Amino acid sequence: MSHKKGKQTIGCEVNGCAFWENQYCGLDGIKVTPCQHVNNGVPEDETLCASYSKKQGR
C-alpha cells in the first residue's frame, strides 16, 4: 500500500458536507475511522469520513 501525501483526488457524494465541491472533497486529505461496534463486512456500515463537517444552513 502506498503512503501518498500531497495532491490527491478524493471523490465524494456527500453534498451535505461543508467540504463537498461538485462531486469531490475540497480537503487536501481526510481521516477515515471505523464505526463503533460494527463488524458486518459492509463498507458503508464499518467506516466513515471523520473529516465530515455539516454545511451551514442545513
Protein backbone atom coordinates (compact mmCIF):
# COMPACT_ATOMS: atom_id res chain seq x y z
CA MET A 1 0.00 0.00 0.00
CA SER A 2 1.23 3.47 -0.89
CA HIS A 3 1.62 6.19 1.73
CA LYS A 4 0.83 9.12 -0.57
CA LYS A 5 0.90 12.65 0.70
CA GLY A 6 0.22 15.86 -1.14
CA LYS A 7 -2.20 16.31 -4.01
CA GLN A 8 -4.79 13.57 -4.23
CA THR A 9 -8.28 13.46 -5.65
CA ILE A 10 -10.96 12.37 -3.22
CA GLY A 11 -14.30 11.60 -4.84
CA CYS A 12 -17.25 12.40 -2.60
CA GLU A 13 -21.02 12.15 -2.94
CA VAL A 14 -21.93 13.72 0.43
CA ASN A 15 -23.21 17.09 -0.73
CA GLY A 16 -24.31 17.95 2.82
CA CYS A 17 -20.65 18.24 3.86
CA ALA A 18 -19.08 21.70 4.10
CA PHE A 19 -16.06 20.46 2.10
CA TRP A 20 -18.04 18.98 -0.82
CA GLU A 21 -17.18 20.61 -4.14
CA ASN A 22 -19.05 19.27 -7.19
CA GLN A 23 -18.54 15.52 -6.59
CA TYR A 24 -15.13 15.94 -4.88
CA CYS A 25 -13.80 16.64 -1.40
CA GLY A 26 -12.17 20.06 -1.16
CA LEU A 27 -9.78 18.99 1.60
CA ASP A 28 -6.14 18.11 0.94
CA GLY A 29 -6.65 14.89 2.91
CA ILE A 30 -9.28 13.15 5.00
CA LYS A 31 -9.33 10.90 8.05
CA VAL A 32 -11.31 7.65 7.80
CA THR A 33 -12.30 5.97 11.04
CA PRO A 34 -14.04 2.69 11.89
CA CYS A 35 -17.59 2.81 13.21
CA GLN A 36 -18.03 1.62 16.78
CA HIS A 37 -19.33 -1.91 17.38
CA VAL A 38 -19.90 -2.83 13.72
CA ASN A 39 -18.18 -5.80 12.13
CA ASN A 40 -20.50 -6.98 9.37
CA GLY A 41 -18.20 -6.58 6.35
CA VAL A 42 -20.39 -3.91 4.71
CA PRO A 43 -18.14 -0.90 3.92
CA GLU A 44 -20.93 1.67 4.40
CA ASP A 45 -21.56 0.32 7.89
CA GLU A 46 -17.96 -0.13 9.02
CA THR A 47 -16.24 3.12 8.07
CA LEU A 48 -16.93 6.82 7.93
CA CYS A 49 -15.19 10.03 6.96
CA ALA A 50 -14.14 11.61 10.24
CA SER A 51 -13.36 14.85 8.39
CA TYR A 52 -17.08 15.45 7.68
CA SER A 53 -18.46 18.82 8.73
CA LYS A 54 -22.12 19.78 8.24
CA LYS A 55 -22.77 22.56 5.72
CA GLN A 56 -24.07 25.78 7.25
CA GLY A 57 -27.79 26.27 6.76
CA ARG A 58 -28.64 22.56 6.50
